Amino acid sequence: MLYLQKATQVTFSPDNDLDGLADLYAYPSDLDGSWLRVNMVSTLDGASAFQNKSGGLGGAGDKAIFRVLRGLCDVVLVGARTATAEGYGQPEPDTAFTERRSAAGQRPAPRLALTTRSLTIDPDFAPLRDPGTVVITTAGADPERRARLVDAGATLVDCGDDSLDPHVVTNYLAASGSPRILCEGGPSLLGSFVDADLVDELCLTISPNLVSGDAPRIAHSDNDDAALHRLRPVHLLTDTDGYVFSRWSR
């Protein structure tokens, strides 16, 4: 066992060292195909939300890492239910990452990919009208709801017949120029990627709080044959507010 307090201490300020954090969280330089990075937050007792939102669990350090992870990715992949509940907007260009993204041949800002089998997204949901947004659904989705979203300006892509195929999702995103995938949940979407053994990296913020209640875990599925998928620790960071920022990889 290792006594973590004896590890090398590296201090970052969320306000003035985004470059340092970006170096720590850089994607593999020899990337071949997609790389699925997941960013989630959890309380000490395993809750992934407080009052039905994950945003209430974060702090200043978590927001800085959230900004860095978005600044490095090609696409933000999130369940439509999570996106609407959390009030998502289309990711905007961040000047702190302009040079880095340009050097990597990336768009000025990441795309937004929303997953939904039901297509129950409100057609007035603003990100749908952005040409960079894609709604990932299934061939068997309700045709009337499909037509309603298309009429609202949404771009729909089928990645499965009656249910989303995680392999098809990641292959589609990589083939469409977005191999650096940042998944932000929710639990059902993450659960499908865990079951498919497609999670390459997990960035997990541990909020220094207990909440009890019936909040969900960061990943959930109805798979009766769930298996263990081992990841190795890459680094652990902390801040003066007591948050722990862990990074795990294959």
Protein backbone atom coordinates (compact mmCIF):
# COMPACT_ATOMS: atom_id res chain seq x y z
CA MET A 1 0.00 0.00 0.00
CA LEU A 2 1.08 3.58 -0.58
CA TYR A 3 0.69 6.50 1.80
CA LEU A 4 -0.65 9.17 -0.55
CA GLN A 5 0.60 12.10 1.55
CA LYS A 6 4.13 11.01 0.65
CA ALA A 7 3.43 11.41 -3.05
CA THR A 8 4.81 14.36 -5.01
CA GLN A 9 2.74 17.47 -4.39
CA VAL A 10 1.83 19.58 -7.42
CA THR A 11 -0.24 22.70 -6.82
CA PHE A 12 -2.57 24.11 -9.47
CA SER A 13 -4.72 27.20 -9.32
CA PRO A 14 -7.98 26.86 -11.27
CA ASP A 15 -7.71 30.54 -12.16
CA ASN A 16 -4.22 30.76 -13.65
CA ASP A 17 -2.91 27.30 -14.54
CA LEU A 18 -5.32 25.85 -17.08
CA ASP A 19 -2.33 24.96 -19.27
CA GLY A 20 -0.87 22.83 -16.50
CA LEU A 21 -4.15 21.01 -16.04
CA ALA A 22 -4.52 20.60 -19.81
CA ASP A 23 -1.09 18.94 -19.95
CA LEU A 24 -2.12 16.56 -17.16
CA TYR A 25 -5.33 15.61 -18.96
CA ALA A 26 -3.96 15.45 -22.51
CA TYR A 27 -5.35 12.72 -24.76
CA PRO A 28 -2.95 10.00 -25.94
CA SER A 29 -0.67 11.40 -28.65
CA ASP A 30 -0.79 8.15 -30.65
CA LEU A 31 -4.58 7.98 -30.75
CA ASP A 32 -5.84 5.39 -33.23
CA GLY A 33 -9.63 5.35 -33.39
CA SER A 34 -11.88 6.71 -30.67
CA TRP A 35 -10.96 7.45 -27.06
CA LEU A 36 -13.91 7.53 -24.66
CA ARG A 37 -13.23 9.71 -21.64
CA VAL A 38 -15.91 9.97 -18.96
CA ASN A 39 -16.27 12.87 -16.53
CA MET A 40 -18.49 12.30 -13.50
CA VAL A 41 -18.91 13.47 -9.91
CA SER A 42 -19.91 11.49 -6.85
CA THR A 43 -20.39 12.12 -3.13
CA LEU A 44 -18.49 10.12 -0.54
CA ASP A 45 -21.45 7.76 -0.24
CA GLY A 46 -21.78 7.24 -4.00
CA ALA A 47 -24.54 9.67 -5.02
CA SER A 48 -24.09 11.14 -8.48
CA ALA A 49 -26.65 13.92 -8.03
CA PHE A 50 -28.11 16.25 -5.43
CA GLN A 51 -31.70 17.41 -5.91
CA ASN A 52 -31.68 15.60 -9.27
CA LYS A 53 -28.68 17.53 -10.63
CA SER A 54 -24.98 16.71 -10.63
CA GLY A 55 -24.04 20.40 -10.81
CA GLY A 56 -24.88 20.89 -7.14
CA LEU A 57 -22.03 18.57 -6.12
CA GLY A 58 -19.14 20.45 -7.74
CA GLY A 59 -16.85 23.26 -6.61
CA ALA A 60 -14.35 25.67 -8.16
CA GLY A 61 -11.75 22.97 -8.83
CA ASP A 62 -14.34 20.68 -10.42
CA LYS A 63 -15.47 23.53 -12.67
CA ALA A 64 -11.86 24.12 -13.77
CA ILE A 65 -11.37 20.46 -14.70
CA PHE A 66 -14.76 20.45 -16.43
CA ARG A 67 -13.56 23.43 -18.50
CA VAL A 68 -10.26 21.73 -19.35
CA LEU A 69 -11.86 18.44 -20.38
CA ARG A 70 -14.25 20.26 -22.68
CA GLY A 71 -11.39 22.36 -24.01
CA LEU A 72 -9.55 19.20 -25.09
CA CYS A 73 -12.33 17.04 -26.54
CA ASP A 74 -13.87 16.86 -30.02
CA VAL A 75 -17.39 16.08 -28.88
CA VAL A 76 -19.41 16.18 -25.67
CA LEU A 77 -21.56 13.05 -25.53
CA VAL A 78 -24.49 13.16 -23.10
CA GLY A 79 -27.90 11.64 -22.63
CA ALA A 80 -30.67 13.96 -23.77
CA ARG A 81 -32.46 13.65 -20.44
CA THR A 82 -29.32 14.73 -18.59
CA ALA A 83 -28.71 17.59 -21.01
CA THR A 84 -32.19 19.02 -20.60
CA ALA A 85 -32.28 18.53 -16.82
CA GLU A 86 -28.90 20.25 -16.38
CA GLY A 87 -29.76 23.07 -18.80
CA TYR A 88 -27.08 22.31 -21.38
CA GLY A 89 -26.18 24.75 -24.11
CA GLN A 90 -24.02 24.30 -27.18
CA PRO A 91 -20.32 24.30 -26.11
CA GLU A 92 -18.73 27.65 -26.92
CA PRO A 93 -15.16 28.34 -28.09
CA ASP A 94 -12.84 28.90 -25.13
CA THR A 95 -9.98 31.29 -25.90
CA ALA A 96 -7.77 29.53 -23.35
CA PHE A 97 -7.63 26.53 -25.70
CA THR A 98 -7.64 28.24 -29.11
CA GLU A 99 -3.98 27.57 -29.91
CA ARG A 100 -4.02 24.05 -28.50
CA ARG A 101 -7.11 23.08 -30.50
CA SER A 102 -5.79 24.68 -33.68
CA ALA A 103 -2.49 22.79 -33.37
CA ALA A 104 -4.42 19.53 -32.96
CA GLY A 105 -6.59 20.24 -36.01
CA GLN A 106 -9.75 20.54 -33.93
CA ARG A 107 -12.83 22.71 -34.37
CA PRO A 108 -12.88 25.92 -32.29
CA ALA A 109 -15.38 24.27 -29.92
CA PRO A 110 -16.50 20.68 -29.33
CA ARG A 111 -19.68 19.36 -30.92
CA LEU A 112 -22.63 18.23 -28.81
CA ALA A 113 -24.00 14.70 -29.26
CA LEU A 114 -27.28 13.86 -27.52
CA THR A 115 -28.40 10.26 -27.12
CA THR A 116 -32.08 9.30 -26.96
CA ARG A 117 -34.14 6.27 -27.95
CA SER A 118 -37.45 7.95 -27.22
CA LEU A 119 -36.84 11.26 -29.07
CA THR A 120 -38.83 13.07 -26.39
CA ILE A 121 -36.57 16.13 -26.57
CA ASP A 122 -38.44 19.42 -26.66
CA PRO A 123 -38.09 20.73 -30.25
CA ASP A 124 -37.42 24.17 -28.73
CA PHE A 125 -34.28 22.89 -26.95
CA ALA A 126 -31.81 25.49 -28.27
CA PRO A 127 -28.77 23.26 -29.02
CA LEU A 128 -30.82 21.27 -31.56
CA ARG A 129 -30.61 24.16 -34.01
CA ASP A 130 -26.82 24.32 -33.93
CA PRO A 131 -25.27 22.64 -37.01
CA GLY A 132 -22.65 21.00 -34.79
CA THR A 133 -25.22 19.18 -32.66
CA VAL A 134 -26.21 15.63 -33.52
CA VAL A 135 -29.02 13.56 -31.99
CA ILE A 136 -28.01 9.91 -31.78
CA THR A 137 -31.02 7.62 -31.78
CA THR A 138 -32.27 4.31 -33.18
CA ALA A 139 -33.88 3.22 -36.45
CA GLY A 140 -36.95 2.12 -34.52
CA ALA A 141 -37.59 5.50 -32.90
CA ASP A 142 -41.04 7.03 -33.20
CA PRO A 143 -41.39 8.48 -36.74
CA GLU A 144 -43.63 11.37 -35.67
CA ARG A 145 -41.18 12.50 -33.02
CA ARG A 146 -38.35 12.08 -35.52
CA ALA A 147 -40.15 14.34 -38.03
CA ARG A 148 -40.87 16.92 -35.33
CA LEU A 149 -37.19 17.20 -34.39
CA VAL A 150 -36.04 17.29 -38.02
CA ASP A 151 -38.52 20.10 -38.68
CA ALA A 152 -37.01 21.96 -35.73
CA GLY A 153 -33.58 21.80 -37.40
CA ALA A 154 -32.08 18.81 -35.61
CA THR A 155 -29.64 16.36 -37.22
CA LEU A 156 -30.50 12.74 -36.37
CA VAL A 157 -28.23 9.73 -36.77
CA ASP A 158 -29.29 6.12 -36.14
CA CYS A 159 -26.82 4.05 -34.13
CA GLY A 160 -28.75 0.86 -33.57
CA ASP A 161 -32.09 -0.70 -34.41
CA ASP A 162 -34.25 -0.78 -31.27
CA SER A 163 -31.56 0.20 -28.79
CA LEU A 164 -28.40 2.25 -29.01
CA ASP A 165 -25.31 0.22 -29.88
CA PRO A 166 -22.37 1.74 -27.96
CA HIS A 167 -19.86 0.42 -30.49
CA VAL A 168 -21.76 2.02 -33.37
CA VAL A 169 -21.93 5.30 -31.43
CA THR A 170 -18.17 5.57 -30.84
CA ASN A 171 -17.36 4.37 -34.36
CA TYR A 172 -19.71 6.95 -35.86
CA LEU A 173 -18.25 9.81 -33.81
CA ALA A 174 -14.67 8.84 -34.67
CA ALA A 175 -15.48 8.44 -38.37
CA SER A 176 -17.18 11.85 -38.41
CA GLY A 177 -14.03 13.59 -37.16
CA SER A 178 -14.60 13.44 -33.41
CA PRO A 179 -12.42 10.66 -31.97
CA ARG A 180 -11.78 12.46 -28.64
CA ILE A 181 -15.10 11.74 -26.94
CA LEU A 182 -16.04 13.26 -23.59
CA CYS A 183 -19.03 11.49 -22.03
CA GLU A 184 -20.81 13.44 -19.28
CA GLY A 185 -23.47 10.86 -18.40
CA GLY A 186 -26.03 10.24 -17.26
CA PRO A 187 -25.87 6.93 -15.42
CA SER A 188 -27.78 4.87 -18.01
CA LEU A 189 -25.62 6.07 -20.89
CA LEU A 190 -22.44 5.42 -18.93
CA GLY A 191 -23.76 2.02 -17.88
CA SER A 192 -24.17 1.00 -21.52
CA PHE A 193 -20.56 1.95 -22.28
CA VAL A 194 -19.29 0.12 -19.20
CA ASP A 195 -21.20 -3.02 -20.21
CA ALA A 196 -19.68 -2.76 -23.71
CA ASP A 197 -16.19 -2.35 -22.20
CA LEU A 198 -15.68 0.90 -24.12
CA VAL A 199 -14.65 3.24 -21.29
CA ASP A 200 -11.01 4.17 -21.92
CA GLU A 201 -10.74 6.72 -19.13
CA LEU A 202 -12.71 7.90 -16.11
CA CYS A 203 -12.26 11.33 -14.54
CA LEU A 204 -14.12 11.10 -11.24
CA THR A 205 -14.53 14.01 -8.84
CA ILE A 206 -15.22 12.98 -5.26
CA SER A 207 -17.32 15.61 -3.53
CA PRO A 208 -16.52 15.83 0.21
CA ASN A 209 -20.15 15.36 1.18
CA LEU A 210 -22.57 12.69 2.34
CA VAL A 211 -26.12 12.94 1.03
CA SER A 212 -27.93 9.60 1.62
CA GLY A 213 -31.31 9.44 -0.13
CA ASP A 214 -31.99 7.51 -3.31
CA ALA A 215 -29.70 9.34 -5.73
CA PRO A 216 -28.28 7.14 -8.53
CA ARG A 217 -24.72 5.90 -8.90
CA ILE A 218 -22.58 7.27 -11.74
CA ALA A 219 -23.38 4.18 -13.86
CA HIS A 220 -26.43 1.97 -14.06
CA SER A 221 -27.77 -0.78 -16.30
CA ASP A 222 -30.15 -3.75 -16.19
CA ASN A 223 -27.40 -6.14 -17.25
CA ASP A 224 -27.67 -9.33 -15.20
CA ASP A 225 -24.22 -10.44 -16.36
CA ALA A 226 -22.29 -7.35 -15.25
CA ALA A 227 -18.52 -7.83 -15.22
CA LEU A 228 -15.61 -6.06 -13.59
CA HIS A 229 -13.69 -3.68 -15.88
CA ARG A 230 -10.37 -2.77 -14.31
CA LEU A 231 -8.81 0.67 -14.74
CA ARG A 232 -5.46 1.86 -13.42
CA PRO A 233 -4.95 5.07 -11.43
CA VAL A 234 -3.25 7.84 -13.41
CA HIS A 235 -3.29 10.64 -10.85
CA LEU A 236 -5.08 12.08 -7.84
CA LEU A 237 -5.45 15.80 -7.20
CA THR A 238 -7.12 17.66 -4.36
CA ASP A 239 -7.94 21.23 -3.46
CA THR A 240 -8.42 23.36 -0.35
CA ASP A 241 -12.18 22.70 -0.44
CA GLY A 242 -11.60 18.99 0.14
CA TYR A 243 -12.51 17.71 -3.33
CA VAL A 244 -10.52 14.82 -4.79
CA PHE A 245 -10.03 14.64 -8.56
CA SER A 246 -9.12 11.16 -9.72
CA ARG A 247 -8.16 10.02 -13.19
CA TRP A 248 -8.29 6.36 -14.21
CA SER A 249 -7.34 4.74 -17.51
CA ARG A 250 -7.01 1.38 -19.21
